[in-house]
């Protein structure tokens, strides 16, 4: 395997993992809020926070 192929594969895997993580976070948080993309909702340690207050995921 060439160095360029190896780098490309690593970048692709990283992007895929980041995408999957963001998708998982958004699925959880979007179950109760459409404001996730406006940064009002945070996902920290498996919990969702809306404007700094912890909220229960339904």
PDB file of N, CA and C in Angstrom:
ATOM      1  N   UNK A   1       0.853  -1.183   0.000  1.00  0.00           N
ATOM      2  CA  UNK A   1       0.000   0.000   0.000  1.00  0.00           C
ATOM      3  C   UNK A   1       0.894   1.241   0.000  1.00  0.00           C
ATOM      4  N   UNK A   2       0.571   2.177  -0.859  1.00  0.00           N
ATOM      5  CA  UNK A   2       1.338   3.415  -0.949  1.00  0.00           C
ATOM      6  C   UNK A   2       1.007   4.313   0.238  1.00  0.00           C
ATOM      7  N   UNK A   3       1.953   5.188   0.542  1.00  0.00           N
ATOM      8  CA  UNK A   3       1.761   6.129   1.652  1.00  0.00           C
ATOM      9  C   UNK A   3       0.513   6.987   1.415  1.00  0.00           C
ATOM     10  N   UNK A   4       0.328   7.470   0.196  1.00  0.00           N
ATOM     11  CA  UNK A   4      -0.829   8.311  -0.118  1.00  0.00           C
ATOM     12  C   UNK A   4      -2.132   7.548   0.081  1.00  0.00           C
ATOM     13  N   UNK A   5      -2.152   6.274  -0.296  1.00  0.00           N
ATOM     14  CA  UNK A   5      -3.348   5.454  -0.104  1.00  0.00           C
ATOM     15  C   UNK A   5      -3.643   5.267   1.374  1.00  0.00           C
ATOM     16  N   UNK A   6      -2.589   5.073   2.150  1.00  0.00           N
ATOM     17  CA  UNK A   6      -2.740   4.886   3.587  1.00  0.00           C
ATOM     18  C   UNK A   6      -3.296   6.149   4.238  1.00  0.00           C
ATOM     19  N   UNK A   7      -2.767   7.312   3.849  1.00  0.00           N
ATOM     20  CA  UNK A   7      -3.251   8.585   4.394  1.00  0.00           C
ATOM     21  C   UNK A   7      -4.705   8.798   4.000  1.00  0.00           C
ATOM     22  N   UNK A   8      -5.019   8.539   2.739  1.00  0.00           N
ATOM     23  CA  UNK A   8      -6.389   8.697   2.260  1.00  0.00           C
ATOM     24  C   UNK A   8      -7.351   7.809   3.039  1.00  0.00           C
ATOM     25  N   UNK A   9      -6.939   6.575   3.292  1.00  0.00           N
ATOM     26  CA  UNK A   9      -7.779   5.640   4.047  1.00  0.00           C
ATOM     27  C   UNK A   9      -7.990   6.139   5.470  1.00  0.00           C
ATOM     28  N   UNK A  10      -6.925   6.646   6.112  1.00  0.00           N
ATOM     29  CA  UNK A  10      -7.020   7.156   7.479  1.00  0.00           C
ATOM     30  C   UNK A  10      -7.958   8.352   7.546  1.00  0.00           C
ATOM     31  N   UNK A  11      -7.830   9.275   6.598  1.00  0.00           N
ATOM     32  CA  UNK A  11      -8.704  10.452   6.560  1.00  0.00           C
ATOM     33  C   UNK A  11     -10.147  10.027   6.357  1.00  0.00           C
ATOM     34  N   UNK A  12     -10.370   9.087   5.453  1.00  0.00           N
ATOM     35  CA  UNK A  12     -11.716   8.596   5.182  1.00  0.00           C
ATOM     36  C   UNK A  12     -12.332   7.953   6.419  1.00  0.00           C
ATOM     37  N   UNK A  13     -11.550   7.145   7.136  1.00  0.00           N
ATOM     38  CA  UNK A  13     -12.051   6.497   8.351  1.00  0.00           C
ATOM     39  C   UNK A  13     -12.358   7.525   9.425  1.00  0.00           C
ATOM     40  N   UNK A  14     -11.507   8.547   9.566  1.00  0.00           N
ATOM     41  CA  UNK A  14     -11.719   9.594  10.560  1.00  0.00           C
ATOM     42  C   UNK A  14     -12.997  10.355  10.249  1.00  0.00           C
ATOM     43  N   UNK A  15     -13.176  10.751   8.988  1.00  0.00           N
ATOM     44  CA  UNK A  15     -14.379  11.479   8.601  1.00  0.00           C
ATOM     45  C   UNK A  15     -15.617  10.636   8.837  1.00  0.00           C
ATOM     46  N   UNK A  16     -15.532   9.350   8.564  1.00  0.00           N
ATOM     47  CA  UNK A  16     -16.661   8.457   8.759  1.00  0.00           C
ATOM     48  C   UNK A  16     -17.028   8.361  10.239  1.00  0.00           C
ATOM     49  N   UNK A  17     -16.022   8.233  11.096  1.00  0.00           N
ATOM     50  CA  UNK A  17     -16.280   8.146  12.535  1.00  0.00           C
ATOM     51  C   UNK A  17     -16.874   9.442  13.061  1.00  0.00           C
ATOM     52  N   UNK A  18     -16.344  10.586  12.600  1.00  0.00           N
ATOM     53  CA  UNK A  18     -16.880  11.874  13.032  1.00  0.00           C
ATOM     54  C   UNK A  18     -18.322  12.038  12.559  1.00  0.00           C
ATOM     55  N   UNK A  19     -18.599  11.625  11.327  1.00  0.00           N
ATOM     56  CA  UNK A  19     -19.952  11.715  10.795  1.00  0.00           C
ATOM     57  C   UNK A  19     -20.907  10.838  11.604  1.00  0.00           C
ATOM     58  N   UNK A  20     -20.487   9.603  11.881  1.00  0.00           N
ATOM     59  CA  UNK A  20     -21.334   8.691  12.650  1.00  0.00           C
ATOM     60  C   UNK A  20     -21.602   9.239  14.043  1.00  0.00           C
ATOM     61  N   UNK A  21     -20.589   9.834  14.672  1.00  0.00           N
ATOM     62  CA  UNK A  21     -20.752  10.400  16.008  1.00  0.00           C
ATOM     63  C   UNK A  21     -21.721  11.581  15.971  1.00  0.00           C
ATOM     64  N   UNK A  22     -21.562  12.461  14.985  1.00  0.00           N
ATOM     65  CA  UNK A  22     -22.455  13.614  14.870  1.00  0.00           C
ATOM     66  C   UNK A  22     -23.878  13.159  14.567  1.00  0.00           C
ATOM     67  N   UNK A  23     -24.025  12.142  13.732  1.00  0.00           N
ATOM     68  CA  UNK A  23     -25.348  11.616  13.412  1.00  0.00           C
ATOM     69  C   UNK A  23     -26.015  11.049  14.663  1.00  0.00           C
ATOM     70  N   UNK A  24     -25.252  10.304  15.460  1.00  0.00           N
ATOM     71  CA  UNK A  24     -25.787   9.723  16.694  1.00  0.00           C
ATOM     72  C   UNK A  24     -26.212  10.834  17.656  1.00  0.00           C
ATOM     73  N   UNK A  25     -25.366  11.832  17.823  1.00  0.00           N
ATOM     74  CA  UNK A  25     -25.689  12.944  18.722  1.00  0.00           C
ATOM     75  C   UNK A  25     -26.936  13.680  18.249  1.00  0.00           C
ATOM     76  N   UNK A  26     -26.984  13.956  16.959  1.00  0.00           N
ATOM     77  CA  UNK A  26     -28.120  14.711  16.450  1.00  0.00           C
ATOM     78  C   UNK A  26     -29.413  13.918  16.547  1.00  0.00           C
ATOM     79  N   UNK A  27     -29.353  12.608  16.326  1.00  0.00           N
ATOM     80  CA  UNK A  27     -30.559  11.781  16.454  1.00  0.00           C
ATOM     81  C   UNK A  27     -31.104  11.837  17.868  1.00  0.00           C
ATOM     82  N   UNK A  28     -30.209  11.748  18.844  1.00  0.00           N
ATOM     83  CA  UNK A  28     -30.639  11.780  20.241  1.00  0.00           C
ATOM     84  C   UNK A  28     -31.205  13.145  20.592  1.00  0.00           C
ATOM     85  N   UNK A  29     -30.469  14.196  20.274  1.00  0.00           N
ATOM     86  CA  UNK A  29     -30.888  15.534  20.678  1.00  0.00           C
ATOM     87  C   UNK A  29     -32.077  16.051  19.880  1.00  0.00           C
ATOM     88  N   UNK A  30     -32.191  15.659  18.629  1.00  0.00           N
ATOM     89  CA  UNK A  30     -33.301  16.139  17.814  1.00  0.00           C
ATOM     90  C   UNK A  30     -34.628  15.484  18.176  1.00  0.00           C
ATOM     91  N   UNK A  31     -34.595  14.496  19.067  1.00  0.00           N
ATOM     92  CA  UNK A  31     -35.856  13.885  19.470  1.00  0.00           C
ATOM     93  C   UNK A  31     -36.707  14.863  20.266  1.00  0.00           C
ATOM     94  N   UNK A  32     -36.097  15.908  20.798  1.00  0.00           N
ATOM     95  CA  UNK A  32     -36.873  16.862  21.584  1.00  0.00           C
ATOM     96  C   UNK A  32     -36.614  18.310  21.205  1.00  0.00           C
ATOM     97  N   UNK A  33     -35.664  18.590  20.333  1.00  0.00           N
ATOM     98  CA  UNK A  33     -35.373  19.986  20.024  1.00  0.00           C
ATOM     99  C   UNK A  33     -34.926  20.158  18.582  1.00  0.00           C
ATOM    100  N   UNK A  34     -35.454  21.178  17.928  1.00  0.00           N
ATOM    101  CA  UNK A  34     -34.997  21.498  16.577  1.00  0.00           C
ATOM    102  C   UNK A  34     -33.910  22.568  16.608  1.00  0.00           C
ATOM    103  N   UNK A  35     -33.449  22.916  17.797  1.00  0.00           N
ATOM    104  CA  UNK A  35     -32.456  23.969  17.939  1.00  0.00           C
ATOM    105  C   UNK A  35     -31.028  23.429  18.021  1.00  0.00           C
ATOM    106  N   UNK A  36     -30.852  22.120  17.834  1.00  0.00           N
ATOM    107  CA  UNK A  36     -29.525  21.504  17.944  1.00  0.00           C
ATOM    108  C   UNK A  36     -28.515  22.177  17.027  1.00  0.00           C
ATOM    109  N   UNK A  37     -28.910  22.454  15.806  1.00  0.00           N
ATOM    110  CA  UNK A  37     -27.962  23.017  14.835  1.00  0.00           C
ATOM    111  C   UNK A  37     -27.662  24.475  15.109  1.00  0.00           C
ATOM    112  N   UNK A  38     -28.458  25.118  15.956  1.00  0.00           N
ATOM    113  CA  UNK A  38     -28.178  26.509  16.323  1.00  0.00           C
ATOM    114  C   UNK A  38     -27.324  26.587  17.580  1.00  0.00           C
ATOM    115  N   UNK A  39     -26.775  25.472  17.984  1.00  0.00           N
ATOM    116  CA  UNK A  39     -25.852  25.374  19.117  1.00  0.00           C
ATOM    117  C   UNK A  39     -26.526  25.623  20.465  1.00  0.00           C
ATOM    118  N   UNK A  40     -27.850  25.605  20.525  1.00  0.00           N
ATOM    119  CA  UNK A  40     -28.538  25.718  21.814  1.00  0.00           C
ATOM    120  C   UNK A  40     -28.504  24.400  22.559  1.00  0.00           C
ATOM    121  N   UNK A  41     -28.318  23.304  21.830  1.00  0.00           N
ATOM    122  CA  UNK A  41     -28.310  21.982  22.430  1.00  0.00           C
ATOM    123  C   UNK A  41     -26.894  21.420  22.373  1.00  0.00           C
ATOM    124  N   UNK A  42     -26.414  20.927  23.511  1.00  0.00           N
ATOM    125  CA  UNK A  42     -25.091  20.307  23.587  1.00  0.00           C
ATOM    126  C   UNK A  42     -25.248  18.856  23.984  1.00  0.00           C
ATOM    127  N   UNK A  43     -24.319  18.037  23.543  1.00  0.00           N
ATOM    128  CA  UNK A  43     -24.306  16.620  23.870  1.00  0.00           C
ATOM    129  C   UNK A  43     -22.992  16.343  24.578  1.00  0.00           C
ATOM    130  N   UNK A  44     -23.049  16.099  25.890  1.00  0.00           N
ATOM    131  CA  UNK A  44     -21.841  15.905  26.690  1.00  0.00           C
ATOM    132  C   UNK A  44     -22.000  14.645  27.528  1.00  0.00           C
ATOM    133  N   UNK A  45     -21.037  13.743  27.400  1.00  0.00           N
ATOM    134  CA  UNK A  45     -21.020  12.503  28.187  1.00  0.00           C
ATOM    135  C   UNK A  45     -22.332  11.729  28.113  1.00  0.00           C
ATOM    136  N   UNK A  46     -22.910  11.643  26.926  1.00  0.00           N
ATOM    137  CA  UNK A  46     -24.123  10.864  26.736  1.00  0.00           C
ATOM    138  C   UNK A  46     -25.390  11.542  27.227  1.00  0.00           C
ATOM    139  N   UNK A  47     -25.300  12.813  27.597  1.00  0.00           N
ATOM    140  CA  UNK A  47     -26.478  13.553  28.066  1.00  0.00           C
ATOM    141  C   UNK A  47     -26.670  14.782  27.194  1.00  0.00           C
ATOM    142  N   UNK A  48     -27.919  15.190  27.034  1.00  0.00           N
ATOM    143  CA  UNK A  48     -28.224  16.381  26.254  1.00  0.00           C
ATOM    144  C   UNK A  48     -28.503  17.550  27.187  1.00  0.00           C
ATOM    145  N   UNK A  49     -28.008  18.705  26.780  1.00  0.00           N
ATOM    146  CA  UNK A  49     -28.217  19.930  27.536  1.00  0.00           C
ATOM    147  C   UNK A  49     -28.816  20.970  26.608  1.00  0.00           C
ATOM    148  N   UNK A  50     -29.885  21.614  27.052  1.00  0.00           N
ATOM    149  CA  UNK A  50     -30.514  22.684  26.289  1.00  0.00           C
ATOM    150  C   UNK A  50     -30.262  23.987  27.028  1.00  0.00           C
ATOM    151  N   UNK A  51     -29.532  24.887  26.388  1.00  0.00           N
ATOM    152  CA  UNK A  51     -29.143  26.166  26.983  1.00  0.00           C
ATOM    153  C   UNK A  51     -28.526  25.974  28.364  1.00  0.00           C
ATOM    154  N   UNK A  52     -27.669  24.965  28.493  1.00  0.00           N
ATOM    155  CA  UNK A  52     -26.930  24.743  29.728  1.00  0.00           C
ATOM    156  C   UNK A  52     -27.635  23.908  30.775  1.00  0.00           C
ATOM    157  N   UNK A  53     -28.904  23.573  30.562  1.00  0.00           N
ATOM    158  CA  UNK A  53     -29.650  22.762  31.526  1.00  0.00           C
ATOM    159  C   UNK A  53     -29.840  21.358  30.965  1.00  0.00           C
ATOM    160  N   UNK A  54     -29.604  20.358  31.808  1.00  0.00           N
ATOM    161  CA  UNK A  54     -29.752  18.972  31.364  1.00  0.00           C
ATOM    162  C   UNK A  54     -31.219  18.676  31.080  1.00  0.00           C
ATOM    163  N   UNK A  55     -31.453  18.002  29.973  1.00  0.00           N
ATOM    164  CA  UNK A  55     -32.817  17.616  29.614  1.00  0.00           C
ATOM    165  C   UNK A  55     -32.869  16.119  29.414  1.00  0.00           C
ATOM    166  N   UNK A  56     -34.024  15.549  29.653  1.00  0.00           N
ATOM    167  CA  UNK A  56     -34.214  14.109  29.509  1.00  0.00           C
ATOM    168  C   UNK A  56     -34.536  13.784  28.063  1.00  0.00           C
ATOM    169  N   UNK A  57     -33.859  12.796  27.532  1.00  0.00           N
ATOM    170  CA  UNK A  57     -34.121  12.360  26.164  1.00  0.00           C
ATOM    171  C   UNK A  57     -35.324  11.442  26.176  1.00  0.00           C
ATOM    172  N   UNK A  58     -36.303  11.763  25.341  1.00  0.00           N
ATOM    173  CA  UNK A  58     -37.543  10.977  25.302  1.00  0.00           C
ATOM    174  C   UNK A  58     -37.380   9.781  24.407  1.00  0.00           C
TER     175      UNK A  58
END
